[in-house]
Each structure stands twice: as C-alpha cells, then as structure tokens.
N, C-alpha and C. Protein backbone atom coordinates (compact mmCIF):
# COMPACT_ATOMS: atom_id res chain seq x y z
N UNK A 1 95.25 118.30 133.51
CA UNK A 1 96.27 117.30 133.48
C UNK A 1 97.55 117.77 134.23
N UNK A 2 97.82 119.10 134.26
CA UNK A 2 98.91 119.68 135.01
C UNK A 2 98.76 119.43 136.49
N UNK A 3 97.50 119.55 136.96
CA UNK A 3 97.28 119.31 138.39
C UNK A 3 97.57 117.89 138.74
N UNK A 4 97.17 116.96 137.88
CA UNK A 4 97.35 115.53 138.06
C UNK A 4 98.87 115.23 138.08
N UNK A 5 99.64 115.74 137.12
CA UNK A 5 101.08 115.51 137.16
C UNK A 5 101.72 116.11 138.39
N UNK A 6 101.31 117.29 138.81
CA UNK A 6 101.85 117.90 140.03
C UNK A 6 101.60 117.09 141.23
N UNK A 7 100.43 116.51 141.37
CA UNK A 7 100.05 115.64 142.48
C UNK A 7 100.95 114.31 142.47
N UNK A 8 101.10 113.78 141.33
CA UNK A 8 101.91 112.56 141.18
C UNK A 8 103.39 112.82 141.53
N UNK A 9 103.93 113.90 140.95
CA UNK A 9 105.34 114.20 141.22
C UNK A 9 105.52 114.60 142.65
N UNK A 10 104.58 115.27 143.25
CA UNK A 10 104.64 115.69 144.68
C UNK A 10 104.64 114.41 145.53
N UNK A 11 103.83 113.52 145.26
CA UNK A 11 103.89 112.19 145.93
C UNK A 11 105.19 111.49 145.82
N UNK A 12 105.72 111.49 144.58
CA UNK A 12 106.97 110.87 144.37
C UNK A 12 108.13 111.56 145.14
N UNK A 13 108.04 112.89 145.16
CA UNK A 13 109.03 113.65 145.91
C UNK A 13 108.93 113.41 147.45
N UNK A 14 107.69 113.26 147.87
CA UNK A 14 107.50 112.96 149.32
C UNK A 14 108.03 111.55 149.60
N UNK A 15 107.89 110.62 148.69
CA UNK A 15 108.43 109.33 148.91
C UNK A 15 109.92 109.37 148.92
N UNK A 16 110.54 110.17 148.01
CA UNK A 16 112.01 110.26 148.00
C UNK A 16 112.43 110.83 149.43
N UNK A 17 111.78 111.92 149.83
CA UNK A 17 112.13 112.54 151.10
C UNK A 17 112.00 111.58 152.28
N UNK A 18 110.88 110.83 152.35
CA UNK A 18 110.75 109.88 153.39
C UNK A 18 111.82 108.84 153.40
N UNK A 19 112.22 108.35 152.26
CA UNK A 19 113.28 107.28 152.17
C UNK A 19 114.52 107.85 152.60
N UNK A 20 114.85 109.09 152.08
CA UNK A 20 116.08 109.73 152.41
C UNK A 20 116.26 110.10 153.95
N UNK A 21 115.17 110.63 154.51
CA UNK A 21 115.25 111.02 155.83
C UNK A 21 115.14 109.86 156.82
N UNK A 22 114.37 108.86 156.52
CA UNK A 22 114.24 107.72 157.41
C UNK A 22 115.30 106.69 157.26
N UNK A 23 115.92 106.63 156.06
CA UNK A 23 117.00 105.60 155.82
C UNK A 23 116.47 104.29 155.58
N UNK A 24 115.13 104.09 155.38
CA UNK A 24 114.64 102.78 155.05
C UNK A 24 115.08 102.31 153.67
N UNK A 25 115.27 100.98 153.58
CA UNK A 25 115.66 100.47 152.22
C UNK A 25 114.47 99.98 151.52
N UNK A 26 113.74 100.93 150.90
CA UNK A 26 112.46 100.61 150.17
C UNK A 26 112.43 101.58 148.97
N UNK A 27 111.95 101.15 147.87
CA UNK A 27 111.94 102.09 146.71
C UNK A 27 111.01 103.24 147.03
N UNK A 28 111.60 104.47 146.72
CA UNK A 28 110.91 105.69 146.92
C UNK A 28 109.64 105.79 146.12
N UNK A 29 109.59 105.22 144.89
CA UNK A 29 108.37 105.24 144.16
C UNK A 29 107.23 104.50 144.87
N UNK A 30 107.54 103.41 145.59
CA UNK A 30 106.51 102.62 146.18
C UNK A 30 106.05 103.46 147.46
N UNK A 31 106.97 104.04 148.22
CA UNK A 31 106.58 104.92 149.26
C UNK A 31 105.69 106.07 148.75
N UNK A 32 106.06 106.61 147.64
CA UNK A 32 105.24 107.73 147.03
C UNK A 32 103.89 107.21 146.65
N UNK A 33 103.72 105.98 146.18
CA UNK A 33 102.41 105.50 145.89
C UNK A 33 101.60 105.32 147.21
N UNK A 34 102.28 104.91 148.27
CA UNK A 34 101.61 104.81 149.53
C UNK A 34 101.15 106.13 150.03
N UNK A 35 101.96 107.21 149.79
CA UNK A 35 101.53 108.63 150.17
C UNK A 35 100.29 108.96 149.28
N UNK A 36 100.37 108.63 148.05
CA UNK A 36 99.19 109.00 147.24
C UNK A 36 97.86 108.23 147.64
N UNK A 37 98.11 106.93 147.99
CA UNK A 37 97.06 106.15 148.48
C UNK A 37 96.40 106.77 149.79
N UNK A 38 97.28 107.18 150.67
CA UNK A 38 96.75 107.81 151.93
C UNK A 38 95.99 109.08 151.64
N UNK A 39 96.53 109.92 150.72
CA UNK A 39 95.89 111.14 150.37
C UNK A 39 94.52 110.86 149.67
N UNK A 40 94.44 109.86 148.81
CA UNK A 40 93.13 109.49 148.27
C UNK A 40 92.16 109.01 149.29
N UNK A 41 92.67 108.15 150.25
CA UNK A 41 91.77 107.63 151.32
C UNK A 41 91.30 108.81 152.27
N UNK A 42 92.17 109.74 152.45
CA UNK A 42 91.72 110.83 153.36
C UNK A 42 90.80 111.84 152.59
N UNK A 43 90.72 111.70 151.31
CA UNK A 43 89.90 112.59 150.58
C UNK A 43 90.58 113.98 150.24
N UNK A 44 91.85 114.09 150.54
CA UNK A 44 92.54 115.35 150.27
C UNK A 44 92.78 115.49 148.75
N UNK A 45 92.94 114.33 148.08
CA UNK A 45 93.07 114.23 146.59
C UNK A 45 91.88 113.50 146.07
N UNK A 46 91.22 113.98 145.03
CA UNK A 46 90.09 113.30 144.40
C UNK A 46 90.60 112.44 143.33
N UNK A 47 89.98 111.31 143.19
CA UNK A 47 90.43 110.31 142.05
C UNK A 47 90.12 110.98 140.65
N UNK A 48 89.09 111.75 140.66
CA UNK A 48 88.74 112.44 139.35
C UNK A 48 89.84 113.38 138.86
N UNK A 49 90.57 113.95 139.76
CA UNK A 49 91.69 114.84 139.43
C UNK A 49 92.83 114.03 138.68
N UNK A 50 92.91 112.74 139.03
CA UNK A 50 94.03 112.01 138.40
C UNK A 50 93.60 111.16 137.17
N UNK A 51 92.30 111.23 136.90
CA UNK A 51 91.78 110.35 135.84
C UNK A 51 92.42 110.65 134.46
N UNK A 52 92.54 111.88 134.07
CA UNK A 52 93.10 112.18 132.78
C UNK A 52 94.52 111.64 132.62
N UNK A 53 95.38 111.83 133.62
CA UNK A 53 96.78 111.35 133.48
C UNK A 53 96.79 109.85 133.57
N UNK A 54 95.95 109.26 134.37
CA UNK A 54 95.84 107.83 134.48
C UNK A 54 95.47 107.14 133.15
N UNK A 55 94.61 107.80 132.41
CA UNK A 55 94.17 107.28 131.13
C UNK A 55 95.33 107.32 130.15
N UNK A 56 96.11 108.37 130.16
CA UNK A 56 97.28 108.59 129.26
C UNK A 56 98.34 107.61 129.55
N UNK A 57 98.63 107.39 130.83
CA UNK A 57 99.62 106.49 131.31
C UNK A 57 99.27 105.01 130.89
N UNK A 58 97.97 104.64 131.05
CA UNK A 58 97.57 103.34 130.74
C UNK A 58 97.63 103.05 129.28
N UNK A 59 97.33 104.05 128.47
CA UNK A 59 97.40 103.92 126.97
C UNK A 59 98.80 103.64 126.55
N UNK A 60 99.83 104.14 127.27
CA UNK A 60 101.22 104.05 126.91
C UNK A 60 102.00 103.13 127.81
N UNK A 61 101.30 102.23 128.42
CA UNK A 61 101.91 101.30 129.47
C UNK A 61 103.04 100.43 128.77
N UNK A 62 102.84 100.06 127.54
CA UNK A 62 103.85 99.23 127.02
C UNK A 62 105.24 99.90 126.83
N UNK A 63 105.21 101.17 126.71
CA UNK A 63 106.47 101.97 126.65
C UNK A 63 107.24 101.86 127.99
N UNK A 64 106.50 101.71 129.09
CA UNK A 64 107.17 101.61 130.35
C UNK A 64 107.74 100.24 130.63
N UNK A 65 107.31 99.27 129.84
CA UNK A 65 107.79 97.86 130.02
C UNK A 65 108.98 97.62 129.18
N UNK A 66 109.35 98.40 128.23
CA UNK A 66 110.46 98.18 127.37
C UNK A 66 111.84 98.24 128.08
N UNK A 67 112.10 99.28 128.84
CA UNK A 67 113.40 99.38 129.56
C UNK A 67 113.71 98.16 130.48
N UNK A 68 112.77 97.81 131.29
CA UNK A 68 113.01 96.56 132.12
C UNK A 68 113.35 95.31 131.36
N UNK A 69 112.57 95.14 130.25
CA UNK A 69 112.71 93.94 129.37
C UNK A 69 114.14 94.01 128.71
N UNK A 70 114.58 95.20 128.32
CA UNK A 70 115.86 95.29 127.65
C UNK A 70 117.00 95.12 128.76
N UNK A 71 116.71 95.52 129.95
CA UNK A 71 117.68 95.39 131.11
C UNK A 71 117.91 93.87 131.40
N UNK A 72 116.87 93.14 131.29
CA UNK A 72 117.00 91.67 131.55
C UNK A 72 118.05 91.08 130.59
N UNK A 73 118.12 91.59 129.40
CA UNK A 73 119.06 91.06 128.39
C UNK A 73 120.46 91.17 128.90
N UNK A 74 120.78 92.08 129.74
CA UNK A 74 122.17 92.21 130.35
C UNK A 74 122.56 91.12 131.25
N UNK A 75 121.46 90.33 131.72
CA UNK A 75 121.72 89.37 132.73
C UNK A 75 121.38 87.92 132.20
N UNK A 76 121.40 87.75 130.98
CA UNK A 76 121.11 86.42 130.37
C UNK A 76 121.95 85.33 130.86
N UNK A 77 123.20 85.60 131.08
CA UNK A 77 124.15 84.62 131.59
C UNK A 77 123.80 84.14 133.00
N UNK A 78 123.37 85.09 133.81
CA UNK A 78 122.89 84.78 135.16
C UNK A 78 121.61 83.90 135.13
N UNK A 79 120.69 84.35 134.21
CA UNK A 79 119.46 83.67 134.11
C UNK A 79 119.65 82.25 133.64
N UNK A 80 120.56 82.10 132.66
CA UNK A 80 120.81 80.75 132.15
C UNK A 80 121.45 79.90 133.14
N UNK A 81 122.32 80.46 134.00
CA UNK A 81 122.92 79.68 135.07
C UNK A 81 121.99 79.22 136.15
N UNK A 82 120.99 80.08 136.51
CA UNK A 82 120.03 79.79 137.59
C UNK A 82 118.58 79.56 137.04
N UNK A 83 118.51 79.16 135.82
CA UNK A 83 117.17 79.04 135.16
C UNK A 83 116.20 78.19 135.98
N UNK A 84 116.60 77.04 136.40
CA UNK A 84 115.65 76.13 137.02
C UNK A 84 115.30 76.63 138.47
N UNK A 85 116.27 77.21 139.18
CA UNK A 85 115.85 77.77 140.49
C UNK A 85 114.91 78.95 140.31
N UNK A 86 115.11 79.75 139.34
CA UNK A 86 114.25 80.91 139.08
C UNK A 86 112.83 80.37 138.72
N UNK A 87 112.82 79.39 137.82
CA UNK A 87 111.53 78.91 137.32
C UNK A 87 110.75 78.21 138.47
N UNK A 88 111.47 77.43 139.27
CA UNK A 88 110.73 76.73 140.39
C UNK A 88 110.36 77.71 141.48
N UNK A 89 111.10 78.71 141.77
CA UNK A 89 110.71 79.78 142.73
C UNK A 89 109.49 80.48 142.19
N UNK A 90 109.49 80.79 140.91
CA UNK A 90 108.32 81.58 140.33
C UNK A 90 107.03 80.72 140.37
N UNK A 91 107.11 79.46 139.93
CA UNK A 91 105.99 78.58 139.99
C UNK A 91 105.52 78.32 141.41
N UNK A 92 106.39 78.07 142.33
CA UNK A 92 106.05 77.76 143.72
C UNK A 92 105.41 79.05 144.35
N UNK A 93 105.98 80.22 144.18
CA UNK A 93 105.46 81.35 144.80
C UNK A 93 104.13 81.79 144.12
N UNK A 94 103.96 81.55 142.83
CA UNK A 94 102.63 81.80 142.21
C UNK A 94 101.54 80.96 142.78
N UNK A 95 101.91 79.62 142.93
CA UNK A 95 100.90 78.73 143.53
C UNK A 95 100.54 79.11 144.95
N UNK A 96 101.55 79.47 145.73
CA UNK A 96 101.42 79.81 147.09
C UNK A 96 100.46 81.07 147.24
N UNK A 97 100.72 82.02 146.35
CA UNK A 97 99.83 83.27 146.38
C UNK A 97 98.40 82.91 146.03
N UNK A 98 98.24 82.08 145.03
CA UNK A 98 96.91 81.66 144.62
C UNK A 98 96.25 80.94 145.82
N UNK A 99 96.94 79.98 146.53
CA UNK A 99 96.35 79.34 147.53
C UNK A 99 96.03 80.24 148.75
N UNK A 100 96.93 81.05 149.17
CA UNK A 100 96.66 81.96 150.25
C UNK A 100 95.49 82.96 149.96
N UNK A 101 95.53 83.50 148.68
CA UNK A 101 94.43 84.41 148.28
C UNK A 101 93.13 83.70 148.29
N UNK A 102 93.02 82.47 147.82
CA UNK A 102 91.78 81.70 147.82
C UNK A 102 91.34 81.43 149.20
N UNK A 103 92.17 81.00 150.05
CA UNK A 103 91.75 80.70 151.39
C UNK A 103 91.40 81.93 152.18
N UNK A 104 92.11 83.02 151.91
CA UNK A 104 91.73 84.26 152.57
C UNK A 104 90.32 84.70 152.16
N UNK A 105 90.10 84.61 150.83
CA UNK A 105 88.78 84.96 150.30
C UNK A 105 87.68 84.07 150.94
N UNK A 106 87.92 82.82 150.98
CA UNK A 106 86.95 81.95 151.64
C UNK A 106 86.69 82.29 153.07
N UNK A 107 87.75 82.60 153.78
CA UNK A 107 87.69 82.99 155.22
C UNK A 107 86.79 84.28 155.36
N UNK A 108 87.14 85.27 154.53
CA UNK A 108 86.44 86.60 154.64
C UNK A 108 84.94 86.38 154.23
N UNK A 109 84.68 85.54 153.24
CA UNK A 109 83.28 85.35 152.79
C UNK A 109 82.50 84.61 153.91
N UNK A 110 83.10 83.61 154.58
CA UNK A 110 82.52 82.85 155.66
C UNK A 110 82.31 83.83 156.87
N UNK A 111 83.23 84.67 157.15
CA UNK A 111 83.23 85.53 158.28
C UNK A 111 82.09 86.64 158.11
N UNK A 112 81.96 87.10 156.90
CA UNK A 112 80.87 88.14 156.59
C UNK A 112 79.53 87.46 156.77
C-alpha cells in the first residue's frame, strides 16, 4: 500500500510541477491523473500495484463527496438566482453528451 501511495503522490507532484512550470490553467490533479495514465499505458507502473489503495479509496468514496457538497451550500444564493439557466444547461449538455456518445459508438461499430 505504501508503494501505491508513493506512486499516486508522485504523479500528483508531477502534475503540480507541470502546471507550475508550464503556466497552463488546468487542475494539477487532472494533469497528475494524465501522468499516471501515461505511466500505466507505458507499463512503467502496473495496475496491480495500485489495486490495494484503489479498493480503499473506492470504499470511502462518500467521504470525498462531503466537502464539495458542503461547499455548494455557500453558493445557494447564486444557485437560486440562476437556477433555471443552470438546470437548462445541465439538461441540454447531458442530452448532447448522450447523443454524441451514441452516434460515436454507432460510427465506430459500423467502421469496425
């Protein structure tokens, strides 16, 4: 489990470094996940090495959702003010993603 944590934190640190040095406006954690993905694809990191920590994190996933949900409470006045635009944007973007995903899947299946 220590090896898995070291790998994850090293990828997070690499993401922080990439964002800091390049000046891109992108969350460092996402860049770190990209680094981890590349390492997994290259075979430099084995998925089996991360399995133990992944299981622990998935079992406690609800704990990671509490802070963002509480943070939303600070913005209830903004949400109330723009409720319909938020709702319409959410519904429209969800339907758009479903449509594009479905059509992409059809295209790939037909192409294969």
